[in-house]
PDB file of N, CA and C in Angstrom:
ATOM      1  N   LEU A   1     -28.944   2.275   1.077  1.00  0.00           N
ATOM      2  CA  LEU A   1     -30.257   2.296   0.452  1.00  0.00           C
ATOM      3  C   LEU A   1     -30.620   3.711   0.003  1.00  0.00           C
ATOM      4  N   GLY A   2     -30.176   4.699   0.744  1.00  0.00           N
ATOM      5  CA  GLY A   2     -30.442   6.086   0.375  1.00  0.00           C
ATOM      6  C   GLY A   2     -29.846   6.448  -0.966  1.00  0.00           C
ATOM      7  N   LYS A   3     -28.644   5.955  -1.221  1.00  0.00           N
ATOM      8  CA  LYS A   3     -27.992   6.243  -2.507  1.00  0.00           C
ATOM      9  C   LYS A   3     -28.757   5.579  -3.650  1.00  0.00           C
ATOM     10  N   ILE A   4     -29.228   4.368  -3.421  1.00  0.00           N
ATOM     11  CA  ILE A   4     -30.006   3.667  -4.447  1.00  0.00           C
ATOM     12  C   ILE A   4     -31.289   4.438  -4.736  1.00  0.00           C
ATOM     13  N   TRP A   5     -31.949   4.921  -3.689  1.00  0.00           N
ATOM     14  CA  TRP A   5     -33.180   5.706  -3.886  1.00  0.00           C
ATOM     15  C   TRP A   5     -32.869   6.965  -4.695  1.00  0.00           C
ATOM     16  N   LYS A   6     -31.797   7.653  -4.319  1.00  0.00           N
ATOM     17  CA  LYS A   6     -31.434   8.896  -5.009  1.00  0.00           C
ATOM     18  C   LYS A   6     -31.162   8.644  -6.489  1.00  0.00           C
ATOM     19  N   LEU A   7     -30.474   7.566  -6.800  1.00  0.00           N
ATOM     20  CA  LEU A   7     -30.192   7.235  -8.197  1.00  0.00           C
ATOM     21  C   LEU A   7     -31.452   6.807  -8.942  1.00  0.00           C
ATOM     22  N   SER A   8     -32.352   6.144  -8.256  1.00  0.00           N
ATOM     23  CA  SER A   8     -33.536   5.565  -8.902  1.00  0.00           C
ATOM     24  C   SER A   8     -34.680   6.555  -9.080  1.00  0.00           C
ATOM     25  N   ASP A   9     -34.792   7.521  -8.196  1.00  0.00           N
ATOM     26  CA  ASP A   9     -35.877   8.508  -8.268  1.00  0.00           C
ATOM     27  C   ASP A   9     -35.507   9.567  -9.306  1.00  0.00           C
ATOM     28  N   ILE A  10     -35.608   9.187 -10.561  1.00  0.00           N
ATOM     29  CA  ILE A  10     -35.114  10.002 -11.666  1.00  0.00           C
ATOM     30  C   ILE A  10     -35.832  11.348 -11.751  1.00  0.00           C
ATOM     31  N   ASP A  11     -37.134  11.359 -11.538  1.00  0.00           N
ATOM     32  CA  ASP A  11     -37.881  12.616 -11.643  1.00  0.00           C
ATOM     33  C   ASP A  11     -37.918  13.391 -10.323  1.00  0.00           C
ATOM     34  N   LYS A  12     -37.240  12.878  -9.306  1.00  0.00           N
ATOM     35  CA  LYS A  12     -37.069  13.549  -8.009  1.00  0.00           C
ATOM     36  C   LYS A  12     -38.392  13.983  -7.382  1.00  0.00           C
ATOM     37  N   ASP A  13     -39.407  13.099  -7.475  1.00  0.00           N
ATOM     38  CA  ASP A  13     -40.703  13.417  -6.880  1.00  0.00           C
ATOM     39  C   ASP A  13     -40.902  12.757  -5.516  1.00  0.00           C
ATOM     40  N   GLY A  14     -39.883  12.031  -5.041  1.00  0.00           N
ATOM     41  CA  GLY A  14     -39.981  11.379  -3.739  1.00  0.00           C
ATOM     42  C   GLY A  14     -40.649  10.026  -3.770  1.00  0.00           C
ATOM     43  N   PHE A  15     -41.056   9.592  -4.950  1.00  0.00           N
ATOM     44  CA  PHE A  15     -41.713   8.298  -5.127  1.00  0.00           C
ATOM     45  C   PHE A  15     -41.007   7.525  -6.234  1.00  0.00           C
ATOM     46  N   LEU A  16     -41.152   6.206  -6.211  1.00  0.00           N
ATOM     47  CA  LEU A  16     -40.638   5.374  -7.301  1.00  0.00           C
ATOM     48  C   LEU A  16     -41.820   4.820  -8.074  1.00  0.00           C
ATOM     49  N   ASP A  17     -41.873   5.130  -9.364  1.00  0.00           N
ATOM     50  CA  ASP A  17     -42.895   4.499 -10.196  1.00  0.00           C
ATOM     51  C   ASP A  17     -42.383   3.112 -10.598  1.00  0.00           C
ATOM     52  N   GLU A  18     -43.106   2.427 -11.443  1.00  0.00           N
ATOM     53  CA  GLU A  18     -42.751   1.048 -11.800  1.00  0.00           C
ATOM     54  C   GLU A  18     -41.350   0.953 -12.403  1.00  0.00           C
ATOM     55  N   ASP A  19     -41.018   1.843 -13.322  1.00  0.00           N
ATOM     56  CA  ASP A  19     -39.697   1.796 -13.957  1.00  0.00           C
ATOM     57  C   ASP A  19     -38.590   2.163 -12.978  1.00  0.00           C
ATOM     58  N   GLU A  20     -38.832   3.149 -12.139  1.00  0.00           N
ATOM     59  CA  GLU A  20     -37.836   3.541 -11.149  1.00  0.00           C
ATOM     60  C   GLU A  20     -37.638   2.430 -10.117  1.00  0.00           C
ATOM     61  N   PHE A  21     -38.708   1.750  -9.744  1.00  0.00           N
ATOM     62  CA  PHE A  21     -38.605   0.627  -8.809  1.00  0.00           C
ATOM     63  C   PHE A  21     -37.771  -0.497  -9.419  1.00  0.00           C
ATOM     64  N   ALA A  22     -38.003  -0.795 -10.695  1.00  0.00           N
ATOM     65  CA  ALA A  22     -37.213  -1.833 -11.371  1.00  0.00           C
ATOM     66  C   ALA A  22     -35.740  -1.445 -11.388  1.00  0.00           C
ATOM     67  N   LEU A  23     -35.459  -0.179 -11.618  1.00  0.00           N
ATOM     68  CA  LEU A  23     -34.081   0.307 -11.593  1.00  0.00           C
ATOM     69  C   LEU A  23     -33.488   0.135 -10.197  1.00  0.00           C
ATOM     70  N   ALA A  24     -34.253   0.479  -9.168  1.00  0.00           N
ATOM     71  CA  ALA A  24     -33.777   0.319  -7.794  1.00  0.00           C
ATOM     72  C   ALA A  24     -33.448  -1.142  -7.501  1.00  0.00           C
ATOM     73  N   MET A  25     -34.302  -2.048  -7.941  1.00  0.00           N
ATOM     74  CA  MET A  25     -34.046  -3.474  -7.722  1.00  0.00           C
ATOM     75  C   MET A  25     -32.769  -3.911  -8.441  1.00  0.00           C
ATOM     76  N   HIS A  26     -32.551  -3.392  -9.635  1.00  0.00           N
ATOM     77  CA  HIS A  26     -31.321  -3.706 -10.372  1.00  0.00           C
ATOM     78  C   HIS A  26     -30.100  -3.194  -9.602  1.00  0.00           C
ATOM     79  N   LEU A  27     -30.173  -1.969  -9.115  1.00  0.00           N
ATOM     80  CA  LEU A  27     -29.040  -1.399  -8.380  1.00  0.00           C
ATOM     81  C   LEU A  27     -28.785  -2.147  -7.076  1.00  0.00           C
ATOM     82  N   ILE A  28     -29.830  -2.616  -6.424  1.00  0.00           N
ATOM     83  CA  ILE A  28     -29.660  -3.445  -5.227  1.00  0.00           C
ATOM     84  C   ILE A  28     -28.906  -4.717  -5.580  1.00  0.00           C
ATOM     85  N   GLN A  29     -29.257  -5.338  -6.694  1.00  0.00           N
ATOM     86  CA  GLN A  29     -28.566  -6.559  -7.119  1.00  0.00           C
ATOM     87  C   GLN A  29     -27.105  -6.273  -7.455  1.00  0.00           C
ATOM     88  N   VAL A  30     -26.841  -5.133  -8.080  1.00  0.00           N
ATOM     89  CA  VAL A  30     -25.458  -4.730  -8.370  1.00  0.00           C
ATOM     90  C   VAL A  30     -24.660  -4.687  -7.071  1.00  0.00           C
ATOM     91  N   LYS A  31     -25.234  -4.070  -6.045  1.00  0.00           N
ATOM     92  CA  LYS A  31     -24.554  -3.954  -4.754  1.00  0.00           C
ATOM     93  C   LYS A  31     -24.389  -5.319  -4.083  1.00  0.00           C
ATOM     94  N   ILE A  32     -25.430  -6.150  -4.133  1.00  0.00           N
ATOM     95  CA  ILE A  32     -25.348  -7.496  -3.557  1.00  0.00           C
ATOM     96  C   ILE A  32     -24.241  -8.300  -4.228  1.00  0.00           C
ATOM     97  N   ASP A  33     -24.075  -8.086  -5.526  1.00  0.00           N
ATOM     98  CA  ASP A  33     -23.039  -8.796  -6.281  1.00  0.00           C
ATOM     99  C   ASP A  33     -21.639  -8.273  -5.990  1.00  0.00           C
ATOM    100  N   GLY A  34     -21.530  -7.266  -5.129  1.00  0.00           N
ATOM    101  CA  GLY A  34     -20.228  -6.785  -4.690  1.00  0.00           C
ATOM    102  C   GLY A  34     -19.649  -5.647  -5.497  1.00  0.00           C
ATOM    103  N   HIS A  35     -20.444  -5.059  -6.368  1.00  0.00           N
ATOM    104  CA  HIS A  35     -19.959  -3.952  -7.192  1.00  0.00           C
ATOM    105  C   HIS A  35     -20.310  -2.621  -6.537  1.00  0.00           C
ATOM    106  N   ASP A  36     -19.529  -1.605  -6.858  1.00  0.00           N
ATOM    107  CA  ASP A  36     -19.819  -0.263  -6.366  1.00  0.00           C
ATOM    108  C   ASP A  36     -20.942   0.356  -7.181  1.00  0.00           C
ATOM    109  N   LEU A  37     -21.704   1.208  -6.535  1.00  0.00           N
ATOM    110  CA  LEU A  37     -22.743   1.951  -7.238  1.00  0.00           C
ATOM    111  C   LEU A  37     -22.106   3.160  -7.916  1.00  0.00           C
ATOM    112  N   PRO A  38     -22.637   3.568  -9.055  1.00  0.00           N
ATOM    113  CA  PRO A  38     -22.088   4.754  -9.721  1.00  0.00           C
ATOM    114  C   PRO A  38     -22.429   6.019  -8.933  1.00  0.00           C
ATOM    115  N   ALA A  39     -21.597   7.032  -9.071  1.00  0.00           N
ATOM    116  CA  ALA A  39     -21.879   8.318  -8.429  1.00  0.00           C
ATOM    117  C   ALA A  39     -23.088   8.980  -9.079  1.00  0.00           C
ATOM    118  N   GLU A  40     -23.201   8.820 -10.382  1.00  0.00           N
ATOM    119  CA  GLU A  40     -24.343   9.313 -11.150  1.00  0.00           C
ATOM    120  C   GLU A  40     -24.867   8.172 -11.994  1.00  0.00           C
ATOM    121  N   LEU A  41     -26.154   8.210 -12.300  1.00  0.00           N
ATOM    122  CA  LEU A  41     -26.762   7.148 -13.095  1.00  0.00           C
ATOM    123  C   LEU A  41     -26.281   7.248 -14.541  1.00  0.00           C
ATOM    124  N   PRO A  42     -25.638   6.193 -15.062  1.00  0.00           N
ATOM    125  CA  PRO A  42     -25.199   6.214 -16.458  1.00  0.00           C
ATOM    126  C   PRO A  42     -26.407   6.258 -17.399  1.00  0.00           C
ATOM    127  N   PRO A  43     -26.275   6.952 -18.519  1.00  0.00           N
ATOM    128  CA  PRO A  43     -27.404   7.079 -19.454  1.00  0.00           C
ATOM    129  C   PRO A  43     -28.021   5.750 -19.878  1.00  0.00           C
ATOM    130  N   HIS A  44     -27.209   4.701 -19.995  1.00  0.00           N
ATOM    131  CA  HIS A  44     -27.751   3.417 -20.453  1.00  0.00           C
ATOM    132  C   HIS A  44     -28.646   2.743 -19.404  1.00  0.00           C
ATOM    133  N   LEU A  45     -28.618   3.225 -18.162  1.00  0.00           N
ATOM    134  CA  LEU A  45     -29.486   2.667 -17.126  1.00  0.00           C
ATOM    135  C   LEU A  45     -30.785   3.454 -16.947  1.00  0.00           C
ATOM    136  N   VAL A  46     -30.893   4.599 -17.600  1.00  0.00           N
ATOM    137  CA  VAL A  46     -32.129   5.389 -17.503  1.00  0.00           C
ATOM    138  C   VAL A  46     -33.219   4.659 -18.285  1.00  0.00           C
ATOM    139  N   PRO A  47     -34.338   4.348 -17.628  1.00  0.00           N
ATOM    140  CA  PRO A  47     -35.423   3.652 -18.331  1.00  0.00           C
ATOM    141  C   PRO A  47     -35.921   4.473 -19.525  1.00  0.00           C
ATOM    142  N   PRO A  48     -36.304   3.808 -20.613  1.00  0.00           N
ATOM    143  CA  PRO A  48     -36.788   4.535 -21.801  1.00  0.00           C
ATOM    144  C   PRO A  48     -37.902   5.536 -21.486  1.00  0.00           C
ATOM    145  N   SER A  49     -38.757   5.214 -20.536  1.00  0.00           N
ATOM    146  CA  SER A  49     -39.859   6.123 -20.205  1.00  0.00           C
ATOM    147  C   SER A  49     -39.379   7.409 -19.532  1.00  0.00           C
ATOM    148  N   LYS A  50     -38.126   7.432 -19.091  1.00  0.00           N
ATOM    149  CA  LYS A  50     -37.585   8.597 -18.385  1.00  0.00           C
ATOM    150  C   LYS A  50     -36.572   9.376 -19.218  1.00  0.00           C
ATOM    151  N   ARG A  51     -36.282   8.905 -20.410  1.00  0.00           N
ATOM    152  CA  ARG A  51     -35.305   9.590 -21.267  1.00  0.00           C
ATOM    153  C   ARG A  51     -35.960  10.781 -21.949  1.00  0.00           C
ATOM    154  N   ASN A  52     -35.247  11.888 -21.964  1.00  0.00           N
ATOM    155  CA  ASN A  52     -35.777  13.088 -22.631  1.00  0.00           C
ATOM    156  C   ASN A  52     -34.853  13.493 -23.745  1.00  0.00           C
TER     157      ASN A  52
END
């Protein structure tokens, strides 16, 4: 769960906003489905509100 939080907390503020929470839920489902989590968040998974 710590790795999912680290990947999802894109702005590194210690909190998950709505988009980061949705990302965390997606990553949890990825893990439940038996897939490995990425070492770094791929650009295509960064929510539009967090892209710079």
